[in-house]
Amino acid sequence: MRKTFSLILSVIMVLSLFTVGAFAAEGTAINSAEDFKNMTADGKYYLAADITVNATYAGEFTGTFDGNGKTVTVSVPMFEKVKGTVKNLNVKGAINADSNAGAVAISAEGATFEAIKNAASVTAAGHAAGIVALAENAGITIKNCSNSGAITTTGTKSDDSVSGLVAYSKDAPDTVITGCSNSGKITVDSTATKGNNQSAAGISGRANAKSVGITVKNCSNSGEIYGYHQTGGVIGYHTSSSTVEGCYNTGKVESKYSYAGGVVGRFCGDKTTDDTFIVKNCANYGSIKGAVGQSGGIVGYSAHSLQGEYCFNYGDIDSAGNTGGVFGSIGSKYTYGTGGVVSTVKYCGNEGKVTSRTGYAGGVVGYTYGSGTAAVETNKHVEIYYCYNVGEVVAATAGKIASGILGYVNSSAVKIQNCFSGGKVTAGEGIKSYAIYWNNACKADEGNIKDNMILEGCADFASQESPDGTKIAEDYTKAGNTAIENAVPAAIAATGELTYKLNQAFGSDVFRQTLGTDKMPTTKTSSKLVKLVDGKYVNDDSQPTPPTPVPTGDTAVYVAVAAVAAVAILGTALVSKKRRIAE
């Protein structure tokens, strides 16, 4: 009896600790708009009741404001500038401003925003955001925040930006944004035909060259994003080294002029250094549309070195410029640093339809700059390993190239290895289609293009290279076409055999295929698992409906490994000998 009583008492004590930790707030209680107005700049406060704020807190707030789960109704930004901490807050209402405006703050410096939910609409003739319009002079931290309000910029300046979380990071290095989401509609409302170079995104609109080392991690966008230039589901335009990890987009992304990406619209450095942009464990499910410039399922355009890993696109992409299923365009014709710039794409895949209306199209990468036949150590080029494309790839204009992996390159140093091309590829009128890649004025160095797999009938040729250095685009009669040999029969892929053997090889149900609907294996969790029953490949209808997670962490690794396995299994189990695409 004593032991039972002691146990009950212990449980009560533990629960009481949790209760205090969950609900207790420290500092001075705020019960009204008047209390809010009279806060000292460096004080510690908490909301004790829902309030309405019609006047912005003037000056710099360096203290702590704990919303305590309460709601503030706003018609103006809550704070002029935050240098302290704002957390545990709900915001609603509507803001119409003739300059920069964020629902929580106009600007921030070295501040922390945590667990804030904004539902207020914001329209500003400058930077506009759901949390903070402008981060400046020092990095800020935004974690576990969300925006569901409609955010619009009507600004006319070239850097006016709009975003669900932070519109513009100016000289704000080492900013960290984690665990955040946007479901609100994000819009650049411009009367100019081509806009004014504004950036639009669900999480981070724009960051300038001195905002180095920005990290955006485990963030998502489900809202519609409408921009004119740099437009992305998560990031619009970063001009300094950044890391984007574990992010995904399910919303529609549309740029009315240039650069559109499901996760990132545009990366571009300061033209003095070889900045590196890292994108990994990201996915896009939304439709992407670009009117003029480059577009991609994950990144529209990166002018510097890009390191992309474990990125997957499932959405359809339609763009007038160079278009890629995962990355639209990589690299630049300009030399920013001192050496060769190598971009690496590993373990990435595309399953959406990729259409370029006037440019080059590629299933994984649409277009990449190269340095011709320059020495490897100074040759700007891309290296692609263990990637796959099963989406349709189309170049709609006469004379434009479409390829299953890489649409266009001009480099002898380019590498494409252990990749699988299975989607139907259609080039512009008068041009052949290519399963692997198209090299304009170069022939890849010996051994650079190897161990790639091709689905039967997906393209006219395996690859195209210039045999003597003459630009193929100027003299197509000199094109060096590599024939497709020993292709994997489409019938085998359609039966479910490939899907089943991929999963068996790694002991994990990574790939799926709804037989009769999916022509090839897919990583979409909406499709069904394939089982082998009495010698026949069938769908397992008894399986529970799986969630739809973003392929990050261990899941992404399994997907990537399974994509690699496709090469090995197709080469040993399904055909008579290993398929190799030689140069």
Protein backbone atom coordinates (compact mmCIF):
# COMPACT_ATOMS: atom_id res chain seq x y z
CA MET A 1 0.00 0.00 0.00
CA ARG A 2 2.83 2.34 0.91
CA LYS A 3 4.59 1.60 -2.40
CA THR A 4 1.38 2.34 -4.32
CA PHE A 5 0.88 5.63 -2.49
CA SER A 6 4.50 6.61 -3.12
CA LEU A 7 4.12 5.83 -6.81
CA ILE A 8 0.95 7.93 -7.10
CA LEU A 9 2.59 10.80 -5.25
CA SER A 10 5.62 10.64 -7.54
CA VAL A 11 3.42 10.76 -10.65
CA ILE A 12 1.52 13.76 -9.28
CA MET A 13 4.76 15.59 -8.54
CA VAL A 14 6.14 14.90 -12.04
CA LEU A 15 2.92 16.04 -13.70
CA SER A 16 2.91 19.22 -11.62
CA LEU A 17 6.41 20.01 -12.88
CA PHE A 18 5.28 19.58 -16.48
CA THR A 19 2.26 21.79 -15.86
CA VAL A 20 4.36 24.61 -14.49
CA GLY A 21 6.89 24.28 -17.31
CA ALA A 22 4.22 24.28 -19.98
CA PHE A 23 2.08 27.19 -18.80
CA ALA A 24 4.15 29.44 -16.55
CA ALA A 25 5.41 32.65 -18.16
CA GLU A 26 7.99 34.94 -16.66
CA GLY A 27 8.10 38.71 -16.43
CA THR A 28 5.49 41.44 -16.33
CA ALA A 29 1.97 40.70 -17.55
CA ILE A 30 0.60 42.58 -20.57
CA ASN A 31 -3.17 42.91 -20.49
CA SER A 32 -3.84 45.75 -22.94
CA ALA A 33 -2.51 47.77 -25.85
CA GLU A 34 -1.56 50.47 -23.34
CA ASP A 35 0.58 47.99 -21.40
CA PHE A 36 2.24 46.96 -24.66
CA LYS A 37 3.00 50.57 -25.59
CA ASN A 38 4.58 51.28 -22.20
CA MET A 39 7.00 48.31 -22.14
CA THR A 40 10.63 49.18 -21.41
CA ALA A 41 12.99 48.27 -24.21
CA ASP A 42 15.00 45.71 -22.23
CA GLY A 43 12.22 44.24 -20.08
CA LYS A 44 10.75 40.76 -19.86
CA TYR A 45 7.03 40.52 -20.61
CA TYR A 46 4.27 38.02 -21.30
CA LEU A 47 0.76 38.35 -22.67
CA ALA A 48 -1.89 37.63 -20.08
CA ALA A 49 -4.81 38.28 -22.46
CA ASP A 50 -5.60 38.67 -26.17
CA ILE A 51 -5.03 42.29 -27.22
CA THR A 52 -5.39 44.56 -30.25
CA VAL A 53 -2.41 46.65 -31.38
CA ASN A 54 -3.03 49.72 -33.55
CA ALA A 55 0.29 51.47 -32.91
CA THR A 56 3.75 50.05 -33.55
CA TYR A 57 6.06 49.75 -30.54
CA ALA A 58 8.59 52.51 -31.29
CA GLY A 59 12.34 52.08 -31.13
CA GLU A 60 14.47 49.01 -30.51
CA PHE A 61 13.10 46.21 -28.34
CA THR A 62 15.98 44.29 -26.76
CA GLY A 63 14.03 42.35 -24.15
CA THR A 64 11.83 39.25 -24.23
CA PHE A 65 8.19 39.23 -25.28
CA ASP A 66 6.42 35.93 -24.56
CA GLY A 67 3.04 35.70 -26.26
CA ASN A 68 2.07 32.92 -23.85
CA GLY A 69 -0.11 31.36 -26.54
CA LYS A 70 -2.33 34.45 -26.72
CA THR A 71 -3.37 36.37 -29.85
CA VAL A 72 -2.53 39.89 -30.95
CA THR A 73 -4.80 41.48 -33.57
CA VAL A 74 -2.81 43.97 -35.65
CA SER A 75 -3.40 46.76 -38.14
CA VAL A 76 0.28 47.78 -38.06
CA PRO A 77 3.53 45.90 -37.42
CA MET A 78 3.88 45.09 -33.70
CA PHE A 79 7.52 46.23 -33.37
CA GLU A 80 9.61 48.82 -35.18
CA LYS A 81 12.82 46.88 -34.53
CA VAL A 82 13.57 43.74 -32.52
CA LYS A 83 16.98 42.98 -31.06
CA GLY A 84 15.67 40.63 -28.40
CA THR A 85 13.27 37.67 -28.40
CA VAL A 86 9.64 37.31 -29.44
CA LYS A 87 8.03 33.90 -28.94
CA ASN A 88 4.89 31.81 -28.34
CA LEU A 89 2.63 34.25 -30.15
CA ASN A 90 -0.42 34.20 -32.43
CA VAL A 91 -1.01 37.16 -34.77
CA LYS A 92 -4.04 38.01 -36.88
CA GLY A 93 -5.53 41.05 -38.62
CA ALA A 94 -4.61 43.09 -41.70
CA ILE A 95 -1.76 45.51 -42.40
CA ASN A 96 -1.50 48.00 -45.26
CA ALA A 97 1.74 49.97 -45.20
CA ASP A 98 3.43 52.51 -47.45
CA SER A 99 6.90 51.15 -46.61
CA ASN A 100 8.48 47.97 -45.21
CA ALA A 101 6.19 45.87 -43.04
CA GLY A 102 6.17 42.54 -41.23
CA ALA A 103 3.29 41.40 -39.05
CA VAL A 104 5.61 41.05 -36.04
CA ALA A 105 8.44 43.46 -36.88
CA ILE A 106 9.54 45.94 -39.50
CA SER A 107 13.19 45.07 -38.90
CA ALA A 108 15.39 42.88 -36.72
CA GLU A 109 19.04 42.69 -35.71
CA GLY A 110 20.45 39.67 -33.90
CA ALA A 111 16.92 38.78 -32.81
CA THR A 112 15.15 35.47 -32.14
CA PHE A 113 11.61 34.69 -33.28
CA GLU A 114 10.23 31.41 -32.00
CA ALA A 115 6.90 29.57 -32.13
CA ILE A 116 4.99 32.41 -33.80
CA LYS A 117 1.91 31.81 -35.93
CA ASN A 118 0.93 34.66 -38.21
CA ALA A 119 -2.45 34.73 -39.93
CA ALA A 120 -2.48 38.47 -40.62
CA SER A 121 -2.44 39.71 -44.19
CA VAL A 122 0.34 42.15 -45.02
CA THR A 123 0.49 44.52 -48.00
CA ALA A 124 3.49 46.84 -48.15
CA ALA A 125 5.04 49.26 -50.64
CA GLY A 126 8.45 47.83 -49.76
CA HIS A 127 9.62 44.60 -48.15
CA ALA A 128 6.65 42.55 -46.95
CA ALA A 129 6.66 39.50 -44.67
CA GLY A 130 4.59 37.46 -42.26
CA ILE A 131 7.18 37.74 -39.45
CA VAL A 132 9.91 40.33 -40.15
CA ALA A 133 10.38 42.49 -43.24
CA LEU A 134 14.10 43.28 -42.92
CA ALA A 135 16.93 41.49 -41.10
CA GLU A 136 19.95 43.78 -41.00
CA ASN A 137 23.47 44.22 -39.58
CA ALA A 138 23.48 40.87 -37.74
CA GLY A 139 22.05 37.40 -38.27
CA ILE A 140 18.71 36.46 -36.80
CA THR A 141 17.12 33.16 -35.75
CA ILE A 142 13.62 32.11 -36.75
CA LYS A 143 12.44 28.71 -35.54
CA ASN A 144 9.17 26.84 -35.48
CA CYS A 145 7.23 29.77 -36.96
CA SER A 146 4.49 29.76 -39.58
CA ASN A 147 2.60 32.10 -41.85
CA SER A 148 -0.87 31.60 -43.28
CA GLY A 149 -1.61 35.21 -44.16
CA ALA A 150 -1.60 36.66 -47.68
CA ILE A 151 1.61 38.67 -48.10
CA THR A 152 2.03 41.19 -50.94
CA THR A 153 4.62 43.74 -51.97
CA THR A 154 3.59 46.68 -54.13
CA GLY A 155 7.09 48.15 -53.95
CA THR A 156 8.90 49.54 -56.97
CA LYS A 157 12.53 49.27 -55.82
CA SER A 158 14.65 46.54 -57.40
CA ASP A 159 15.30 44.77 -54.09
CA ASP A 160 11.77 44.96 -52.66
CA SER A 161 11.04 41.41 -51.58
CA VAL A 162 8.16 39.40 -50.20
CA SER A 163 8.03 36.25 -48.10
CA GLY A 164 6.01 34.37 -45.53
CA LEU A 165 8.77 34.62 -42.89
CA VAL A 166 11.57 37.13 -43.68
CA ALA A 167 11.51 39.30 -46.79
CA TYR A 168 15.09 40.60 -47.03
CA SER A 169 18.30 39.74 -45.17
CA LYS A 170 20.72 42.64 -45.56
CA ASP A 171 24.20 42.20 -44.06
CA ALA A 172 22.76 39.48 -41.81
CA PRO A 173 25.36 36.66 -41.79
CA ASP A 174 24.74 33.28 -40.17
CA THR A 175 20.99 33.71 -40.12
CA VAL A 176 19.26 30.44 -39.20
CA ILE A 177 15.69 29.53 -40.16
CA THR A 178 14.50 26.12 -38.97
CA GLY A 179 11.21 24.24 -38.69
CA CYS A 180 9.16 26.97 -40.36
CA SER A 181 6.31 26.85 -42.87
CA ASN A 182 4.24 29.04 -45.15
CA SER A 183 0.74 28.34 -46.41
CA GLY A 184 -0.19 31.91 -47.33
CA LYS A 185 -0.35 33.36 -50.82
CA ILE A 186 2.81 35.33 -51.64
CA THR A 187 2.60 37.96 -54.38
CA VAL A 188 4.68 40.59 -56.14
CA ASP A 189 2.08 43.10 -57.32
CA SER A 190 3.91 45.09 -59.98
CA THR A 191 2.50 47.26 -62.74
CA ALA A 192 5.76 47.02 -64.70
CA THR A 193 5.73 44.56 -67.58
CA LYS A 194 8.89 42.85 -66.40
CA GLY A 195 8.55 43.66 -62.73
CA ASN A 196 11.41 45.37 -60.89
CA ASN A 197 13.68 42.45 -60.03
CA GLN A 198 11.80 41.72 -56.82
CA SER A 199 12.13 38.35 -55.11
CA ALA A 200 9.34 36.20 -53.76
CA ALA A 201 9.32 33.04 -51.63
CA GLY A 202 7.51 31.18 -48.91
CA ILE A 203 10.29 31.40 -46.29
CA SER A 204 13.19 33.73 -47.25
CA GLY A 205 12.69 36.29 -50.00
CA ARG A 206 16.15 37.69 -50.58
CA ALA A 207 19.62 37.82 -48.99
CA ASN A 208 22.45 40.09 -50.08
CA ALA A 209 26.14 39.28 -50.59
CA LYS A 210 27.17 40.08 -46.99
CA SER A 211 24.56 37.73 -45.55
CA VAL A 212 26.94 34.79 -45.77
CA GLY A 213 26.37 31.43 -44.15
CA ILE A 214 22.57 31.46 -44.08
CA THR A 215 21.00 28.12 -43.15
CA VAL A 216 17.41 27.20 -43.99
CA LYS A 217 16.52 23.79 -42.60
CA ASN A 218 13.39 21.64 -42.36
CA CYS A 219 11.11 24.32 -43.79
CA SER A 220 8.16 23.96 -46.15
CA ASN A 221 5.83 25.90 -48.39
CA SER A 222 2.30 24.99 -49.44
CA GLY A 223 1.17 28.49 -50.47
CA GLU A 224 0.97 29.86 -53.98
CA ILE A 225 3.99 32.00 -54.89
CA TYR A 226 3.67 34.62 -57.63
CA GLY A 227 6.74 36.68 -58.55
CA TYR A 228 8.32 38.48 -61.48
CA HIS A 229 11.96 37.51 -61.11
CA GLN A 230 13.59 35.31 -58.46
CA THR A 231 10.70 33.16 -57.29
CA GLY A 232 10.95 30.05 -55.13
CA GLY A 233 8.84 27.92 -52.85
CA VAL A 234 11.27 28.32 -49.94
CA ILE A 235 13.96 30.82 -51.05
CA GLY A 236 13.65 33.51 -53.70
CA TYR A 237 17.17 34.89 -54.21
CA HIS A 238 20.35 34.47 -52.15
CA THR A 239 23.54 36.18 -53.28
CA SER A 240 25.88 34.63 -50.72
CA SER A 241 26.84 31.11 -49.65
CA SER A 242 23.83 29.31 -48.20
CA THR A 243 22.79 25.86 -47.03
CA VAL A 244 19.28 24.56 -47.67
CA GLU A 245 18.46 21.22 -46.09
CA GLY A 246 15.34 19.13 -45.54
CA CYS A 247 13.00 21.61 -47.25
CA TYR A 248 10.06 20.93 -49.55
CA ASN A 249 7.41 22.68 -51.59
CA THR A 250 3.87 21.59 -52.46
CA GLY A 251 2.58 24.96 -53.64
CA LYS A 252 2.35 26.45 -57.12
CA VAL A 253 5.37 28.62 -58.00
CA GLU A 254 5.15 31.05 -60.90
CA SER A 255 7.58 33.68 -62.12
CA LYS A 256 6.14 36.10 -64.64
CA TYR A 257 9.58 36.92 -65.95
CA SER A 258 12.74 35.05 -64.88
CA TYR A 259 13.97 32.30 -62.51
CA ALA A 260 11.59 29.90 -60.81
CA GLY A 261 12.32 26.95 -58.55
CA GLY A 262 10.32 24.65 -56.34
CA VAL A 263 12.68 25.22 -53.42
CA VAL A 264 15.07 28.00 -54.59
CA GLY A 265 14.50 30.52 -57.36
CA ARG A 266 18.05 31.79 -57.79
CA PHE A 267 21.53 31.57 -56.26
CA CYS A 268 24.15 34.12 -57.32
CA GLY A 269 27.32 35.27 -55.53
CA ASP A 270 28.98 38.67 -55.34
CA LYS A 271 31.18 38.15 -58.45
CA THR A 272 34.43 38.24 -56.43
CA THR A 273 34.52 34.77 -54.87
CA ASP A 274 33.49 31.25 -55.79
CA ASP A 275 30.61 30.99 -53.34
CA THR A 276 29.19 27.53 -52.76
CA PHE A 277 25.53 26.78 -52.38
CA ILE A 278 24.50 23.53 -50.72
CA VAL A 279 21.09 21.97 -51.29
CA LYS A 280 20.32 18.54 -49.86
CA ASN A 281 17.40 16.37 -48.78
CA CYS A 282 14.88 18.61 -50.55
CA ALA A 283 11.78 17.83 -52.61
CA ASN A 284 9.23 19.56 -54.79
CA TYR A 285 5.67 18.41 -55.43
CA GLY A 286 4.23 21.66 -56.79
CA SER A 287 3.92 22.93 -60.36
CA ILE A 288 6.63 25.35 -61.50
CA LYS A 289 6.17 27.92 -64.25
CA GLY A 290 8.73 30.39 -65.58
CA ALA A 291 7.94 32.93 -68.28
CA VAL A 292 11.44 33.73 -69.55
CA GLY A 293 14.41 32.59 -67.44
CA GLN A 294 15.69 29.30 -66.08
CA SER A 295 13.49 27.04 -64.00
CA GLY A 296 13.96 23.83 -62.04
CA GLY A 297 12.10 21.52 -59.72
CA ILE A 298 14.48 22.28 -56.84
CA VAL A 299 16.65 25.23 -57.99
CA GLY A 300 15.91 27.49 -60.94
CA TYR A 301 19.37 28.97 -61.43
CA SER A 302 22.70 28.84 -59.61
CA ALA A 303 25.43 31.08 -60.99
CA HIS A 304 28.09 29.63 -58.71
CA SER A 305 29.19 26.22 -57.48
CA LEU A 306 26.22 24.10 -56.47
CA GLN A 307 26.45 20.98 -54.34
CA GLY A 308 23.14 19.12 -54.65
CA GLU A 309 22.39 15.83 -52.91
CA TYR A 310 19.27 13.74 -52.25
CA CYS A 311 16.92 16.13 -54.06
CA PHE A 312 13.76 14.92 -55.81
CA ASN A 313 11.19 16.56 -58.03
CA TYR A 314 7.66 15.21 -58.57
CA GLY A 315 5.99 18.36 -59.94
CA ASP A 316 5.55 19.43 -63.57
CA ILE A 317 7.80 22.24 -64.79
CA ASP A 318 6.97 24.56 -67.68
CA SER A 319 9.40 27.32 -68.58
CA ALA A 320 10.43 29.41 -71.55
CA GLY A 321 14.12 29.26 -70.62
CA ASN A 322 16.53 26.44 -69.82
CA THR A 323 14.69 23.92 -67.70
CA GLY A 324 15.72 20.98 -65.53
CA GLY A 325 13.76 18.47 -63.52
CA VAL A 326 15.94 19.08 -60.46
CA PHE A 327 18.21 22.02 -61.37
CA GLY A 328 17.39 24.43 -64.20
CA SER A 329 20.78 25.98 -64.88
CA ILE A 330 24.12 25.67 -63.09
CA GLY A 331 27.23 27.84 -63.43
CA SER A 332 28.09 31.04 -65.24
CA LYS A 333 30.18 32.21 -68.18
CA TYR A 334 31.82 34.74 -65.85
CA THR A 335 34.89 33.91 -63.73
CA TYR A 336 34.21 34.99 -60.16
CA GLY A 337 37.10 33.35 -58.32
CA THR A 338 40.54 32.07 -59.20
CA GLY A 339 40.02 28.43 -60.19
CA GLY A 340 37.70 26.01 -61.86
CA VAL A 341 34.23 25.84 -60.39
CA VAL A 342 32.92 22.31 -60.03
CA SER A 343 29.27 21.70 -59.28
CA THR A 344 28.27 18.25 -58.07
CA VAL A 345 24.85 16.63 -58.29
CA LYS A 346 24.46 13.30 -56.47
CA TYR A 347 21.58 10.98 -55.63
CA CYS A 348 18.91 13.18 -57.21
CA GLY A 349 15.87 12.24 -59.26
CA ASN A 350 13.03 13.63 -61.35
CA GLU A 351 9.58 12.15 -61.90
CA GLY A 352 7.71 15.23 -63.16
CA LYS A 353 7.20 16.44 -66.73
CA VAL A 354 9.86 18.92 -67.81
CA THR A 355 9.02 21.33 -70.64
CA SER A 356 11.19 24.10 -72.04
CA ARG A 357 9.30 26.22 -74.52
CA THR A 358 12.33 28.06 -76.00
CA GLY A 359 15.44 26.70 -74.28
CA TYR A 360 17.26 23.48 -73.42
CA ALA A 361 15.65 20.77 -71.30
CA GLY A 362 17.15 18.07 -69.09
CA GLY A 363 15.63 15.48 -66.81
CA VAL A 364 18.04 16.25 -63.96
CA VAL A 365 19.92 19.40 -65.09
CA GLY A 366 18.71 21.61 -67.93
CA TYR A 367 21.82 23.63 -68.74
CA THR A 368 25.32 24.01 -67.35
CA TYR A 369 28.18 26.27 -68.36
CA GLY A 370 31.56 24.74 -69.12
CA SER A 371 35.08 25.84 -69.97
CA GLY A 372 35.47 23.86 -73.18
CA THR A 373 38.69 21.86 -73.33
CA ALA A 374 40.47 23.78 -70.57
CA ALA A 375 42.55 21.81 -68.07
CA VAL A 376 40.47 20.03 -65.44
CA GLU A 377 41.83 22.16 -62.59
CA THR A 378 40.55 25.35 -64.26
CA ASN A 379 37.58 23.90 -66.11
CA LYS A 380 34.21 24.97 -64.80
CA HIS A 381 31.96 21.95 -65.15
CA VAL A 382 29.33 19.75 -63.55
CA GLU A 383 29.63 16.20 -62.26
CA ILE A 384 26.50 14.07 -61.97
CA TYR A 385 26.47 10.77 -60.09
CA TYR A 386 23.76 8.24 -59.19
CA CYS A 387 20.83 10.26 -60.52
CA TYR A 388 17.69 9.19 -62.34
CA ASN A 389 14.96 10.58 -64.54
CA VAL A 390 11.65 8.86 -65.27
CA GLY A 391 9.72 12.01 -66.16
CA GLU A 392 8.92 13.19 -69.69
CA VAL A 393 11.39 15.79 -71.02
CA VAL A 394 10.39 18.12 -73.87
CA ALA A 395 12.15 20.92 -75.76
CA ALA A 396 9.28 22.54 -77.64
CA THR A 397 11.16 24.89 -79.99
CA ALA A 398 12.78 23.84 -83.26
CA GLY A 399 16.52 23.38 -82.90
CA LYS A 400 16.51 23.06 -79.10
CA ILE A 401 17.96 20.07 -77.29
CA ALA A 402 16.35 17.73 -74.78
CA SER A 403 18.22 15.07 -72.81
CA GLY A 404 17.27 12.63 -70.09
CA ILE A 405 20.00 13.64 -67.63
CA LEU A 406 21.82 16.83 -68.77
CA GLY A 407 20.33 19.07 -71.45
CA TYR A 408 23.37 21.10 -72.49
CA VAL A 409 27.06 21.44 -71.60
CA ASN A 410 30.28 22.61 -73.23
CA SER A 411 33.07 20.90 -71.32
CA SER A 412 35.55 18.07 -71.71
CA ALA A 413 35.65 17.67 -67.92
CA VAL A 414 31.94 16.92 -67.49
CA LYS A 415 31.17 13.64 -65.70
CA ILE A 416 27.95 11.60 -65.74
CA GLN A 417 28.18 8.22 -64.08
CA ASN A 418 25.85 5.53 -62.71
CA CYS A 419 22.69 7.32 -63.80
CA PHE A 420 19.39 5.93 -65.10
CA SER A 421 17.40 7.59 -67.91
CA GLY A 422 13.90 6.21 -68.34
CA GLY A 423 11.57 9.10 -69.18
CA LYS A 424 10.47 9.87 -72.73
CA VAL A 425 12.68 12.58 -74.28
CA THR A 426 11.47 14.78 -77.15
CA ALA A 427 13.69 17.44 -78.75
CA GLY A 428 12.69 20.41 -80.90
CA GLU A 429 11.84 19.95 -84.54
CA GLY A 430 14.83 18.93 -86.63
CA ILE A 431 16.87 17.72 -83.63
CA LYS A 432 17.39 14.25 -82.21
CA SER A 433 16.74 13.46 -78.55
CA TYR A 434 19.33 12.11 -76.13
CA ALA A 435 19.01 9.83 -73.14
CA ILE A 436 22.11 11.00 -71.26
CA TYR A 437 23.48 14.38 -72.40
CA TRP A 438 24.46 16.82 -75.17
CA ASN A 439 27.98 18.32 -75.33
CA ASN A 440 28.09 21.27 -77.72
CA ALA A 441 31.73 21.80 -78.67
CA CYS A 442 33.62 19.16 -76.74
CA LYS A 443 34.13 15.47 -76.27
CA ALA A 444 34.20 14.28 -72.66
CA ASP A 445 37.52 13.05 -71.36
CA GLU A 446 38.08 9.30 -71.45
CA GLY A 447 36.10 7.48 -68.77
CA ASN A 448 33.99 10.48 -67.71
CA ILE A 449 30.70 9.22 -69.15
CA LYS A 450 30.17 5.63 -68.02
CA ASP A 451 28.01 3.02 -66.27
CA ASN A 452 24.73 4.71 -67.19
CA MET A 453 21.46 2.88 -67.89
CA ILE A 454 18.80 3.67 -70.49
CA LEU A 455 15.22 2.50 -70.86
CA GLU A 456 14.41 1.15 -74.30
CA GLY A 457 12.75 3.70 -76.58
CA CYS A 458 13.15 6.73 -74.32
CA ALA A 459 15.33 8.70 -76.78
CA ASP A 460 16.91 8.61 -80.24
CA PHE A 461 20.52 8.39 -79.05
CA ALA A 462 22.46 7.93 -75.85
CA SER A 463 24.52 11.11 -76.12
CA GLN A 464 25.94 13.65 -78.51
CA GLU A 465 29.44 15.11 -78.50
CA SER A 466 31.52 17.21 -80.85
CA PRO A 467 34.13 14.92 -82.44
CA ASP A 468 36.50 17.74 -83.43
CA GLY A 469 35.67 20.70 -81.19
CA THR A 470 33.36 22.39 -83.71
CA LYS A 471 30.19 23.72 -82.17
CA ILE A 472 27.45 21.26 -82.98
CA ALA A 473 24.90 24.06 -82.81
CA GLU A 474 26.59 25.60 -85.85
CA ASP A 475 27.13 22.44 -87.87
CA TYR A 476 24.87 19.53 -86.99
CA THR A 477 26.44 17.36 -89.67
CA LYS A 478 29.51 17.01 -87.46
CA ALA A 479 27.55 15.72 -84.51
CA GLY A 480 28.97 12.67 -82.79
CA ASN A 481 25.94 10.58 -81.85
CA THR A 482 26.40 7.61 -79.55
CA ALA A 483 23.87 4.89 -80.24
CA ILE A 484 21.79 3.31 -77.50
CA GLU A 485 22.88 -0.27 -76.99
CA ASN A 486 21.39 -3.04 -74.86
CA ALA A 487 18.61 -0.87 -73.48
CA VAL A 488 16.37 -2.14 -70.70
CA PRO A 489 13.03 -3.28 -72.21
CA ALA A 490 10.12 -1.08 -71.18
CA ALA A 491 7.97 -4.18 -70.72
CA ILE A 492 10.12 -5.32 -67.83
CA ALA A 493 9.84 -1.97 -66.08
CA ALA A 494 6.05 -1.96 -66.48
CA THR A 495 5.50 -5.40 -64.93
CA GLY A 496 6.70 -4.44 -61.47
CA GLU A 497 9.67 -6.78 -61.67
CA LEU A 498 12.21 -3.98 -61.48
CA THR A 499 10.41 -2.33 -58.55
CA TYR A 500 10.23 -5.59 -56.60
CA LYS A 501 13.89 -6.49 -57.19
CA LEU A 502 15.06 -3.02 -56.20
CA ASN A 503 13.28 -3.30 -52.86
CA GLN A 504 14.47 -6.87 -52.33
CA ALA A 505 18.06 -5.86 -52.94
CA PHE A 506 18.05 -3.43 -50.04
CA GLY A 507 15.46 -4.94 -47.74
CA SER A 508 13.31 -1.81 -47.72
CA ASP A 509 10.12 -0.83 -49.59
CA VAL A 510 11.50 2.37 -51.06
CA PHE A 511 10.20 2.15 -54.62
CA ARG A 512 6.51 1.68 -55.41
CA GLN A 513 4.48 1.09 -58.55
CA THR A 514 0.73 0.95 -59.07
CA LEU A 515 0.58 -1.68 -61.78
CA GLY A 516 -1.39 -0.61 -64.81
CA THR A 517 -0.87 3.06 -63.89
CA ASP A 518 2.81 3.61 -63.17
CA LYS A 519 5.01 2.62 -66.10
CA MET A 520 8.14 2.60 -63.97
CA PRO A 521 9.22 2.54 -60.33
CA THR A 522 8.50 5.68 -58.32
CA THR A 523 9.31 6.95 -54.86
CA LYS A 524 5.84 8.49 -54.46
CA THR A 525 4.16 7.09 -51.38
CA SER A 526 0.76 7.45 -53.07
CA SER A 527 1.64 4.49 -55.29
CA LYS A 528 1.34 0.88 -54.13
CA LEU A 529 3.93 -1.64 -53.07
CA VAL A 530 4.74 -4.55 -55.37
CA LYS A 531 4.80 -8.14 -54.08
CA LEU A 532 5.69 -11.44 -55.71
CA VAL A 533 2.78 -13.89 -55.26
CA ASP A 534 2.73 -17.30 -56.95
CA GLY A 535 5.27 -16.18 -59.48
CA LYS A 536 3.40 -12.98 -60.41
CA TYR A 537 4.12 -9.36 -59.53
CA VAL A 538 1.03 -7.83 -57.91
CA ASN A 539 0.13 -4.84 -55.81
CA ASP A 540 -0.29 -5.26 -52.07
CA ASP A 541 -3.77 -3.80 -51.53
CA SER A 542 -3.77 -4.68 -47.84
CA GLN A 543 -1.05 -2.19 -47.00
CA PRO A 544 -2.03 0.84 -44.90
CA THR A 545 -2.03 4.20 -46.63
CA PRO A 546 1.45 5.60 -46.04
CA PRO A 547 2.19 9.18 -45.06
CA THR A 548 3.70 11.54 -47.59
CA PRO A 549 7.00 12.56 -46.05
CA VAL A 550 9.71 14.53 -47.68
CA PRO A 551 12.60 12.20 -48.55
CA THR A 552 15.04 13.49 -45.95
CA GLY A 553 17.46 11.87 -43.57
CA ASP A 554 17.50 8.08 -43.67
CA THR A 555 14.63 7.99 -46.17
CA ALA A 556 16.59 10.10 -48.62
CA VAL A 557 19.61 7.87 -48.23
CA TYR A 558 17.52 4.76 -48.95
CA VAL A 559 15.98 6.41 -52.01
CA ALA A 560 19.39 7.42 -53.27
CA VAL A 561 20.87 4.00 -52.64
CA ALA A 562 17.92 2.37 -54.38
CA ALA A 563 18.46 4.63 -57.38
CA VAL A 564 22.06 3.47 -57.47
CA ALA A 565 20.86 -0.12 -57.16
CA ALA A 566 18.83 0.31 -60.33
CA VAL A 567 22.07 0.51 -62.25
CA ALA A 568 23.50 -2.60 -60.67
CA ILE A 569 20.33 -4.68 -60.78
CA LEU A 570 19.43 -3.74 -64.33
CA GLY A 571 22.95 -4.62 -65.32
CA THR A 572 23.02 -8.05 -63.68
CA ALA A 573 19.56 -9.40 -63.02
CA LEU A 574 17.41 -8.21 -65.92
CA VAL A 575 19.67 -8.20 -68.95
CA SER A 576 22.36 -10.43 -70.30
CA LYS A 577 25.31 -8.17 -69.53
CA LYS A 578 26.19 -4.90 -67.89
CA ARG A 579 24.91 -1.89 -69.86
CA ARG A 580 27.51 0.76 -70.30
CA ILE A 581 27.20 4.00 -72.22
CA ALA A 582 30.67 4.60 -73.54
CA GLU A 583 31.85 7.90 -74.75
